[in-house]
């Protein structure tokens, strides 16, 4: 969020792909497509600045298991964000976001046994990031550390075959450390291009999310472990009022691979 500076409206397209296999549950693939919009305002505090804003997002998520089971999830989010930036390059980002999930699932037990269900779920998440950007003429480097937490409310549902399923409070706690480096090219009086690269190490700590079936069978969802993230991006300042940006990334861990993630958007300053 430190690159969001000035009063503005913004929007971005989101595309994420995940391949998940923890060696216990059925492997699955997740594809996510959606949009996020926001409006922000900057406050000058002596030589520092405080950026605050509100965001709204909506995504469509498609989950396909190797067994043939599948789920479609519509997700909606409302968030508040803030970023405090000191004139020496230190910054602190904070984000709080509420989520609402509307899911439809079809579970295949065998060729002739398929059960369906639909359910709704609420969740809340937060993230904090601290870092320092150091500039060298046109280039810069930014080491940073980040922590994220998310919790989804538990839920009980019934399949069309009579099976009862209790979803526990799914939780996630991630810590990430990385570095971003880039170079800014002046291409006009008020136009710039800033390509950058970003690499980080991430670790998921929660390993005890559970699902209870028919009050007797407990399934444990353990996706804890480390992951490497690798990103390339481009920020393009078209003029004093408009900028475009895009980022493409790849992530790989012991249980999760994310072969393609895309973020692309526009900011309009006023």
C-alpha atoms as a PDB file:
ATOM      1  CA  UNK A   1       0.000   0.000   0.000  1.00  0.00           C
ATOM      2  CA  UNK A   2       3.001   2.307   0.272  1.00  0.00           C
ATOM      3  CA  UNK A   3       2.824   2.963  -3.469  1.00  0.00           C
ATOM      4  CA  UNK A   4      -0.712   4.336  -3.032  1.00  0.00           C
ATOM      5  CA  UNK A   5      -0.018   7.996  -2.314  1.00  0.00           C
ATOM      6  CA  UNK A   6      -2.456  10.857  -2.848  1.00  0.00           C
ATOM      7  CA  UNK A   7      -6.236  11.202  -2.880  1.00  0.00           C
ATOM      8  CA  UNK A   8      -7.474   8.659  -5.380  1.00  0.00           C
ATOM      9  CA  UNK A   9      -9.886   6.049  -6.634  1.00  0.00           C
ATOM     10  CA  UNK A  10      -8.519   2.754  -7.847  1.00  0.00           C
ATOM     11  CA  UNK A  11      -9.514  -0.619  -9.214  1.00  0.00           C
ATOM     12  CA  UNK A  12      -7.742  -3.854 -10.060  1.00  0.00           C
ATOM     13  CA  UNK A  13      -8.323  -7.236 -11.682  1.00  0.00           C
ATOM     14  CA  UNK A  14      -7.292 -10.347  -9.733  1.00  0.00           C
ATOM     15  CA  UNK A  15      -6.474 -13.798 -11.110  1.00  0.00           C
ATOM     16  CA  UNK A  16      -5.031 -16.565  -8.935  1.00  0.00           C
ATOM     17  CA  UNK A  17      -4.417 -20.260  -9.493  1.00  0.00           C
ATOM     18  CA  UNK A  18      -3.517 -22.826  -6.833  1.00  0.00           C
ATOM     19  CA  UNK A  19      -2.657 -26.531  -6.874  1.00  0.00           C
ATOM     20  CA  UNK A  20      -2.994 -28.069  -3.424  1.00  0.00           C
ATOM     21  CA  UNK A  21      -1.908 -31.513  -2.203  1.00  0.00           C
ATOM     22  CA  UNK A  22      -1.116 -32.166   1.460  1.00  0.00           C
ATOM     23  CA  UNK A  23      -0.744 -35.924   0.950  1.00  0.00           C
ATOM     24  CA  UNK A  24      -3.834 -36.709   3.061  1.00  0.00           C
ATOM     25  CA  UNK A  25      -6.939 -35.116   1.525  1.00  0.00           C
ATOM     26  CA  UNK A  26      -7.923 -35.183  -2.136  1.00  0.00           C
ATOM     27  CA  UNK A  27      -5.648 -32.922  -4.223  1.00  0.00           C
ATOM     28  CA  UNK A  28      -7.497 -29.977  -5.739  1.00  0.00           C
ATOM     29  CA  UNK A  29      -7.095 -26.975  -8.003  1.00  0.00           C
ATOM     30  CA  UNK A  30      -8.473 -23.514  -7.277  1.00  0.00           C
ATOM     31  CA  UNK A  31      -9.015 -20.765  -9.837  1.00  0.00           C
ATOM     32  CA  UNK A  32      -9.989 -17.282  -8.702  1.00  0.00           C
ATOM     33  CA  UNK A  33     -11.065 -14.311 -10.812  1.00  0.00           C
ATOM     34  CA  UNK A  34     -12.402 -11.022  -9.531  1.00  0.00           C
ATOM     35  CA  UNK A  35     -12.156  -7.288  -9.054  1.00  0.00           C
ATOM     36  CA  UNK A  36     -11.366  -4.957  -6.178  1.00  0.00           C
ATOM     37  CA  UNK A  37     -12.147  -1.246  -5.944  1.00  0.00           C
ATOM     38  CA  UNK A  38     -11.254   1.451  -3.466  1.00  0.00           C
ATOM     39  CA  UNK A  39     -11.030   5.105  -2.579  1.00  0.00           C
ATOM     40  CA  UNK A  40      -8.274   6.632  -0.478  1.00  0.00           C
ATOM     41  CA  UNK A  41      -7.118   9.902   1.031  1.00  0.00           C
ATOM     42  CA  UNK A  42      -3.673  11.171   2.084  1.00  0.00           C
ATOM     43  CA  UNK A  43      -3.010  13.254   5.190  1.00  0.00           C
ATOM     44  CA  UNK A  44       0.282  15.118   5.618  1.00  0.00           C
ATOM     45  CA  UNK A  45       1.759  14.831   9.117  1.00  0.00           C
ATOM     46  CA  UNK A  46       4.755  17.171   9.237  1.00  0.00           C
ATOM     47  CA  UNK A  47       7.198  15.528   6.797  1.00  0.00           C
ATOM     48  CA  UNK A  48       5.435  12.144   6.991  1.00  0.00           C
ATOM     49  CA  UNK A  49       2.183  11.003   5.381  1.00  0.00           C
ATOM     50  CA  UNK A  50      -0.793   8.842   6.339  1.00  0.00           C
ATOM     51  CA  UNK A  51      -2.808   7.131   3.615  1.00  0.00           C
ATOM     52  CA  UNK A  52      -6.219   5.715   4.526  1.00  0.00           C
ATOM     53  CA  UNK A  53      -8.967   4.156   2.478  1.00  0.00           C
ATOM     54  CA  UNK A  54     -11.810   1.715   2.038  1.00  0.00           C
ATOM     55  CA  UNK A  55     -12.022  -1.165  -0.439  1.00  0.00           C
ATOM     56  CA  UNK A  56     -14.665  -3.506  -1.829  1.00  0.00           C
ATOM     57  CA  UNK A  57     -13.959  -6.741  -3.664  1.00  0.00           C
ATOM     58  CA  UNK A  58     -15.780  -9.612  -5.330  1.00  0.00           C
ATOM     59  CA  UNK A  59     -14.360 -12.821  -6.759  1.00  0.00           C
ATOM     60  CA  UNK A  60     -15.593 -16.051  -8.301  1.00  0.00           C
ATOM     61  CA  UNK A  61     -13.737 -19.154  -7.159  1.00  0.00           C
ATOM     62  CA  UNK A  62     -13.805 -22.594  -8.762  1.00  0.00           C
ATOM     63  CA  UNK A  63     -12.468 -25.593  -6.839  1.00  0.00           C
ATOM     64  CA  UNK A  64     -11.989 -28.957  -8.559  1.00  0.00           C
ATOM     65  CA  UNK A  65     -10.779 -32.048  -6.722  1.00  0.00           C
ATOM     66  CA  UNK A  66      -8.972 -34.951  -8.349  1.00  0.00           C
ATOM     67  CA  UNK A  67     -11.839 -37.201  -7.196  1.00  0.00           C
ATOM     68  CA  UNK A  68     -14.351 -35.254  -9.310  1.00  0.00           C
ATOM     69  CA  UNK A  69     -15.864 -33.187  -6.497  1.00  0.00           C
ATOM     70  CA  UNK A  70     -16.190 -29.481  -7.182  1.00  0.00           C
ATOM     71  CA  UNK A  71     -17.268 -26.232  -5.538  1.00  0.00           C
ATOM     72  CA  UNK A  72     -18.200 -22.773  -6.763  1.00  0.00           C
ATOM     73  CA  UNK A  73     -17.689 -19.953  -4.279  1.00  0.00           C
ATOM     74  CA  UNK A  74     -18.748 -16.325  -4.686  1.00  0.00           C
ATOM     75  CA  UNK A  75     -16.731 -14.149  -2.315  1.00  0.00           C
ATOM     76  CA  UNK A  76     -17.368 -10.537  -1.268  1.00  0.00           C
ATOM     77  CA  UNK A  77     -15.103  -8.379   0.879  1.00  0.00           C
ATOM     78  CA  UNK A  78     -15.124  -4.986   2.570  1.00  0.00           C
ATOM     79  CA  UNK A  79     -11.860  -3.608   3.905  1.00  0.00           C
ATOM     80  CA  UNK A  80     -10.219  -0.671   5.642  1.00  0.00           C
ATOM     81  CA  UNK A  81      -6.552   0.089   5.040  1.00  0.00           C
ATOM     82  CA  UNK A  82      -3.964   2.565   6.284  1.00  0.00           C
ATOM     83  CA  UNK A  83      -0.310   3.233   5.543  1.00  0.00           C
ATOM     84  CA  UNK A  84       2.021   5.477   7.561  1.00  0.00           C
ATOM     85  CA  UNK A  85       5.108   6.542   5.615  1.00  0.00           C
ATOM     86  CA  UNK A  86       8.036   8.406   7.163  1.00  0.00           C
ATOM     87  CA  UNK A  87      10.238  10.706   5.132  1.00  0.00           C
ATOM     88  CA  UNK A  88      13.247   8.421   5.723  1.00  0.00           C
ATOM     89  CA  UNK A  89      11.549   5.529   3.896  1.00  0.00           C
ATOM     90  CA  UNK A  90      10.195   3.509   6.821  1.00  0.00           C
ATOM     91  CA  UNK A  91       6.547   2.505   6.473  1.00  0.00           C
ATOM     92  CA  UNK A  92       3.826   0.554   8.262  1.00  0.00           C
ATOM     93  CA  UNK A  93       0.828  -0.893   6.411  1.00  0.00           C
ATOM     94  CA  UNK A  94      -2.327  -2.188   8.097  1.00  0.00           C
ATOM     95  CA  UNK A  95      -5.423  -3.854   6.640  1.00  0.00           C
ATOM     96  CA  UNK A  96      -8.642  -5.216   8.146  1.00  0.00           C
ATOM     97  CA  UNK A  97     -11.094  -7.005   5.864  1.00  0.00           C
ATOM     98  CA  UNK A  98     -14.449  -8.743   6.322  1.00  0.00           C
ATOM     99  CA  UNK A  99     -15.486 -11.534   3.940  1.00  0.00           C
ATOM    100  CA  UNK A 100     -18.743 -13.216   2.947  1.00  0.00           C
ATOM    101  CA  UNK A 101     -18.695 -16.552   1.088  1.00  0.00           C
ATOM    102  CA  UNK A 102     -21.612 -18.089  -0.829  1.00  0.00           C
ATOM    103  CA  UNK A 103     -20.747 -21.696  -1.736  1.00  0.00           C
ATOM    104  CA  UNK A 104     -22.271 -24.517  -3.765  1.00  0.00           C
ATOM    105  CA  UNK A 105     -20.595 -27.924  -3.620  1.00  0.00           C
ATOM    106  CA  UNK A 106     -20.982 -31.232  -5.415  1.00  0.00           C
ATOM    107  CA  UNK A 107     -19.193 -34.139  -3.720  1.00  0.00           C
ATOM    108  CA  UNK A 108     -18.478 -37.336  -5.651  1.00  0.00           C
ATOM    109  CA  UNK A 109     -18.148 -40.429  -3.449  1.00  0.00           C
ATOM    110  CA  UNK A 110     -18.085 -42.857  -6.403  1.00  0.00           C
ATOM    111  CA  UNK A 111     -19.394 -43.016  -9.971  1.00  0.00           C
ATOM    112  CA  UNK A 112     -23.029 -43.367  -8.848  1.00  0.00           C
ATOM    113  CA  UNK A 113     -23.015 -41.443  -5.578  1.00  0.00           C
ATOM    114  CA  UNK A 114     -22.930 -37.656  -5.819  1.00  0.00           C
ATOM    115  CA  UNK A 115     -24.241 -35.367  -3.069  1.00  0.00           C
ATOM    116  CA  UNK A 116     -24.828 -31.620  -3.229  1.00  0.00           C
ATOM    117  CA  UNK A 117     -25.030 -28.823  -0.702  1.00  0.00           C
ATOM    118  CA  UNK A 118     -24.931 -25.047  -0.440  1.00  0.00           C
ATOM    119  CA  UNK A 119     -23.889 -22.873   2.467  1.00  0.00           C
ATOM    120  CA  UNK A 120     -22.810 -19.390   3.463  1.00  0.00           C
ATOM    121  CA  UNK A 121     -19.886 -18.402   5.652  1.00  0.00           C
ATOM    122  CA  UNK A 122     -18.407 -15.235   7.127  1.00  0.00           C
ATOM    123  CA  UNK A 123     -14.775 -14.466   7.789  1.00  0.00           C
ATOM    124  CA  UNK A 124     -12.453 -11.712   8.940  1.00  0.00           C
ATOM    125  CA  UNK A 125      -8.803 -11.096   8.215  1.00  0.00           C
ATOM    126  CA  UNK A 126      -6.031  -8.634   8.962  1.00  0.00           C
ATOM    127  CA  UNK A 127      -2.518  -7.920   7.740  1.00  0.00           C
ATOM    128  CA  UNK A 128       0.395  -5.802   8.916  1.00  0.00           C
ATOM    129  CA  UNK A 129       3.566  -4.995   7.004  1.00  0.00           C
ATOM    130  CA  UNK A 130       6.679  -3.041   7.969  1.00  0.00           C
ATOM    131  CA  UNK A 131       9.580  -2.119   5.719  1.00  0.00           C
ATOM    132  CA  UNK A 132      12.016   0.520   4.548  1.00  0.00           C
ATOM    133  CA  UNK A 133      12.558   1.834   1.039  1.00  0.00           C
ATOM    134  CA  UNK A 134      16.056   3.072   0.251  1.00  0.00           C
ATOM    135  CA  UNK A 135      16.528   5.084  -2.947  1.00  0.00           C
ATOM    136  CA  UNK A 136      19.685   5.228  -5.086  1.00  0.00           C
ATOM    137  CA  UNK A 137      19.168   7.871  -7.769  1.00  0.00           C
ATOM    138  CA  UNK A 138      16.603   6.098 -10.002  1.00  0.00           C
ATOM    139  CA  UNK A 139      16.729   2.679  -8.320  1.00  0.00           C
ATOM    140  CA  UNK A 140      15.394   1.472  -4.978  1.00  0.00           C
ATOM    141  CA  UNK A 141      15.394  -1.530  -2.668  1.00  0.00           C
ATOM    142  CA  UNK A 142      12.760  -2.339  -0.035  1.00  0.00           C
ATOM    143  CA  UNK A 143      13.176  -5.127   2.528  1.00  0.00           C
ATOM    144  CA  UNK A 144       9.955  -5.891   4.390  1.00  0.00           C
ATOM    145  CA  UNK A 145       8.221  -8.237   6.839  1.00  0.00           C
ATOM    146  CA  UNK A 146       4.522  -9.083   6.852  1.00  0.00           C
ATOM    147  CA  UNK A 147       2.064 -11.038   8.990  1.00  0.00           C
ATOM    148  CA  UNK A 148      -1.486 -12.098   8.016  1.00  0.00           C
ATOM    149  CA  UNK A 149      -4.324 -13.681   9.981  1.00  0.00           C
ATOM    150  CA  UNK A 150      -7.696 -14.979   8.784  1.00  0.00           C
ATOM    151  CA  UNK A 151     -10.574 -16.783  10.481  1.00  0.00           C
ATOM    152  CA  UNK A 152     -13.807 -18.140   8.967  1.00  0.00           C
ATOM    153  CA  UNK A 153     -16.819 -18.774  11.192  1.00  0.00           C
ATOM    154  CA  UNK A 154     -17.772 -22.395  11.830  1.00  0.00           C
ATOM    155  CA  UNK A 155     -20.841 -23.796  10.089  1.00  0.00           C
ATOM    156  CA  UNK A 156     -23.040 -26.896   9.957  1.00  0.00           C
ATOM    157  CA  UNK A 157     -24.531 -28.202   6.736  1.00  0.00           C
ATOM    158  CA  UNK A 158     -26.397 -31.214   5.390  1.00  0.00           C
ATOM    159  CA  UNK A 159     -25.724 -32.969   2.093  1.00  0.00           C
ATOM    160  CA  UNK A 160     -28.530 -34.194  -0.165  1.00  0.00           C
ATOM    161  CA  UNK A 161     -27.615 -37.789   0.768  1.00  0.00           C
ATOM    162  CA  UNK A 162     -28.258 -37.040   4.452  1.00  0.00           C
ATOM    163  CA  UNK A 163     -24.634 -36.684   5.488  1.00  0.00           C
ATOM    164  CA  UNK A 164     -23.987 -34.033   8.161  1.00  0.00           C
ATOM    165  CA  UNK A 165     -20.851 -31.901   7.950  1.00  0.00           C
ATOM    166  CA  UNK A 166     -19.513 -29.545  10.601  1.00  0.00           C
ATOM    167  CA  UNK A 167     -16.988 -26.997   9.392  1.00  0.00           C
ATOM    168  CA  UNK A 168     -14.669 -25.784  12.119  1.00  0.00           C
ATOM    169  CA  UNK A 169     -13.305 -22.273  12.514  1.00  0.00           C
ATOM    170  CA  UNK A 170     -10.880 -22.351   9.588  1.00  0.00           C
ATOM    171  CA  UNK A 171      -7.870 -20.243  10.474  1.00  0.00           C
ATOM    172  CA  UNK A 172      -4.686 -19.096   8.817  1.00  0.00           C
ATOM    173  CA  UNK A 173      -1.621 -17.386  10.271  1.00  0.00           C
ATOM    174  CA  UNK A 174       1.151 -16.491   7.843  1.00  0.00           C
ATOM    175  CA  UNK A 175       4.448 -14.668   8.228  1.00  0.00           C
ATOM    176  CA  UNK A 176       6.420 -13.388   5.249  1.00  0.00           C
ATOM    177  CA  UNK A 177       9.817 -11.740   4.783  1.00  0.00           C
ATOM    178  CA  UNK A 178      11.116 -10.469   1.480  1.00  0.00           C
ATOM    179  CA  UNK A 179      12.704  -7.764  -0.614  1.00  0.00           C
ATOM    180  CA  UNK A 180      11.569  -5.626  -3.549  1.00  0.00           C
ATOM    181  CA  UNK A 181      13.921  -3.866  -5.963  1.00  0.00           C
ATOM    182  CA  UNK A 182      13.223  -1.690  -8.977  1.00  0.00           C
ATOM    183  CA  UNK A 183      14.363   1.068 -11.308  1.00  0.00           C
ATOM    184  CA  UNK A 184      12.433   4.147 -12.467  1.00  0.00           C
ATOM    185  CA  UNK A 185      12.755   5.419 -16.040  1.00  0.00           C
ATOM    186  CA  UNK A 186      11.695   8.975 -16.886  1.00  0.00           C
ATOM    187  CA  UNK A 187       9.843   8.842 -20.215  1.00  0.00           C
ATOM    188  CA  UNK A 188       8.249  12.280 -20.218  1.00  0.00           C
ATOM    189  CA  UNK A 189       7.743  15.427 -18.188  1.00  0.00           C
ATOM    190  CA  UNK A 190       5.364  13.701 -15.777  1.00  0.00           C
ATOM    191  CA  UNK A 191       5.537  10.103 -16.993  1.00  0.00           C
ATOM    192  CA  UNK A 192       7.606   7.245 -15.566  1.00  0.00           C
ATOM    193  CA  UNK A 193       8.005   3.487 -15.908  1.00  0.00           C
ATOM    194  CA  UNK A 194       9.103   1.457 -12.889  1.00  0.00           C
ATOM    195  CA  UNK A 195       9.792  -2.247 -13.464  1.00  0.00           C
ATOM    196  CA  UNK A 196      10.545  -4.243 -10.329  1.00  0.00           C
ATOM    197  CA  UNK A 197      11.203  -7.703  -8.973  1.00  0.00           C
ATOM    198  CA  UNK A 198      10.123  -9.094  -5.626  1.00  0.00           C
ATOM    199  CA  UNK A 199      11.049 -12.277  -3.759  1.00  0.00           C
ATOM    200  CA  UNK A 200       9.900 -13.517  -0.372  1.00  0.00           C
ATOM    201  CA  UNK A 201       9.763 -16.491   1.997  1.00  0.00           C
ATOM    202  CA  UNK A 202       6.392 -17.279   3.587  1.00  0.00           C
ATOM    203  CA  UNK A 203       5.320 -19.706   6.303  1.00  0.00           C
ATOM    204  CA  UNK A 204       1.862 -20.947   7.335  1.00  0.00           C
ATOM    205  CA  UNK A 205       1.666 -21.843  11.041  1.00  0.00           C
ATOM    206  CA  UNK A 206      -1.878 -23.227  11.496  1.00  0.00           C
ATOM    207  CA  UNK A 207      -2.030 -27.017  11.152  1.00  0.00           C
ATOM    208  CA  UNK A 208      -5.237 -28.088  12.915  1.00  0.00           C
ATOM    209  CA  UNK A 209      -8.265 -26.958  10.880  1.00  0.00           C
ATOM    210  CA  UNK A 210     -10.882 -29.719  11.063  1.00  0.00           C
ATOM    211  CA  UNK A 211     -14.075 -31.015   9.423  1.00  0.00           C
ATOM    212  CA  UNK A 212     -16.413 -33.374  11.322  1.00  0.00           C
ATOM    213  CA  UNK A 213     -18.593 -35.784   9.309  1.00  0.00           C
ATOM    214  CA  UNK A 214     -21.701 -37.365  10.872  1.00  0.00           C
ATOM    215  CA  UNK A 215     -20.347 -36.460  14.321  1.00  0.00           C
ATOM    216  CA  UNK A 216     -17.908 -39.379  14.119  1.00  0.00           C
ATOM    217  CA  UNK A 217     -15.267 -38.919  11.415  1.00  0.00           C
ATOM    218  CA  UNK A 218     -12.835 -36.029  11.855  1.00  0.00           C
ATOM    219  CA  UNK A 219     -10.761 -34.825   8.912  1.00  0.00           C
ATOM    220  CA  UNK A 220      -7.731 -32.641   9.555  1.00  0.00           C
ATOM    221  CA  UNK A 221      -6.752 -29.987   7.037  1.00  0.00           C
ATOM    222  CA  UNK A 222      -3.053 -29.287   7.513  1.00  0.00           C
ATOM    223  CA  UNK A 223      -1.513 -26.908   4.988  1.00  0.00           C
ATOM    224  CA  UNK A 224       1.213 -25.564   7.260  1.00  0.00           C
ATOM    225  CA  UNK A 225       4.729 -25.092   5.966  1.00  0.00           C
ATOM    226  CA  UNK A 226       6.900 -22.773   3.929  1.00  0.00           C
ATOM    227  CA  UNK A 227       6.609 -21.317   0.442  1.00  0.00           C
ATOM    228  CA  UNK A 228       8.720 -19.183  -1.876  1.00  0.00           C
ATOM    229  CA  UNK A 229       7.113 -16.273  -3.757  1.00  0.00           C
ATOM    230  CA  UNK A 230       8.598 -14.695  -6.906  1.00  0.00           C
ATOM    231  CA  UNK A 231       7.077 -11.622  -8.555  1.00  0.00           C
ATOM    232  CA  UNK A 232       7.746  -9.221 -11.413  1.00  0.00           C
ATOM    233  CA  UNK A 233       5.786  -6.033 -11.923  1.00  0.00           C
ATOM    234  CA  UNK A 234       5.508  -2.712 -13.682  1.00  0.00           C
ATOM    235  CA  UNK A 235       4.200   0.635 -12.430  1.00  0.00           C
ATOM    236  CA  UNK A 236       3.460   3.156 -15.194  1.00  0.00           C
ATOM    237  CA  UNK A 237       2.735   6.782 -14.285  1.00  0.00           C
ATOM    238  CA  UNK A 238       0.918   8.070 -17.371  1.00  0.00           C
ATOM    239  CA  UNK A 239       0.478  11.646 -16.156  1.00  0.00           C
ATOM    240  CA  UNK A 240       0.012  13.464 -12.867  1.00  0.00           C
ATOM    241  CA  UNK A 241      -3.523  12.075 -12.485  1.00  0.00           C
ATOM    242  CA  UNK A 242      -3.303   8.510 -13.794  1.00  0.00           C
ATOM    243  CA  UNK A 243      -1.149   5.445 -13.233  1.00  0.00           C
ATOM    244  CA  UNK A 244      -1.363   1.820 -14.361  1.00  0.00           C
ATOM    245  CA  UNK A 245       0.207  -1.201 -12.716  1.00  0.00           C
ATOM    246  CA  UNK A 246       0.510  -4.936 -13.187  1.00  0.00           C
ATOM    247  CA  UNK A 247       2.196  -7.773 -11.329  1.00  0.00           C
ATOM    248  CA  UNK A 248       2.698 -11.447 -12.192  1.00  0.00           C
ATOM    249  CA  UNK A 249       3.872 -13.994  -9.640  1.00  0.00           C
ATOM    250  CA  UNK A 250       4.722 -17.650  -9.070  1.00  0.00           C
ATOM    251  CA  UNK A 251       4.747 -19.436  -5.701  1.00  0.00           C
ATOM    252  CA  UNK A 252       5.915 -22.901  -4.686  1.00  0.00           C
ATOM    253  CA  UNK A 253       5.761 -24.757  -1.383  1.00  0.00           C
ATOM    254  CA  UNK A 254       5.746 -28.304  -0.063  1.00  0.00           C
ATOM    255  CA  UNK A 255       1.938 -28.634  -0.335  1.00  0.00           C
ATOM    256  CA  UNK A 256       0.836 -25.679  -2.453  1.00  0.00           C
ATOM    257  CA  UNK A 257       1.916 -24.431  -5.866  1.00  0.00           C
ATOM    258  CA  UNK A 258       0.570 -21.230  -7.369  1.00  0.00           C
ATOM    259  CA  UNK A 259       1.673 -21.273 -11.026  1.00  0.00           C
ATOM    260  CA  UNK A 260       0.069 -17.996 -12.061  1.00  0.00           C
ATOM    261  CA  UNK A 261      -1.132 -14.941 -10.162  1.00  0.00           C
ATOM    262  CA  UNK A 262      -1.992 -11.675 -11.897  1.00  0.00           C
ATOM    263  CA  UNK A 263      -2.867  -8.273 -10.475  1.00  0.00           C
ATOM    264  CA  UNK A 264      -3.530  -5.423 -12.903  1.00  0.00           C
ATOM    265  CA  UNK A 265      -5.146  -2.097 -12.170  1.00  0.00           C
ATOM    266  CA  UNK A 266      -5.486   1.642 -12.531  1.00  0.00           C
ATOM    267  CA  UNK A 267      -5.318   4.568 -10.121  1.00  0.00           C
ATOM    268  CA  UNK A 268      -6.810   8.003 -10.711  1.00  0.00           C
ATOM    269  CA  UNK A 269      -5.527  10.800  -8.469  1.00  0.00           C
ATOM    270  CA  UNK A 270      -7.456  13.937  -7.599  1.00  0.00           C
END
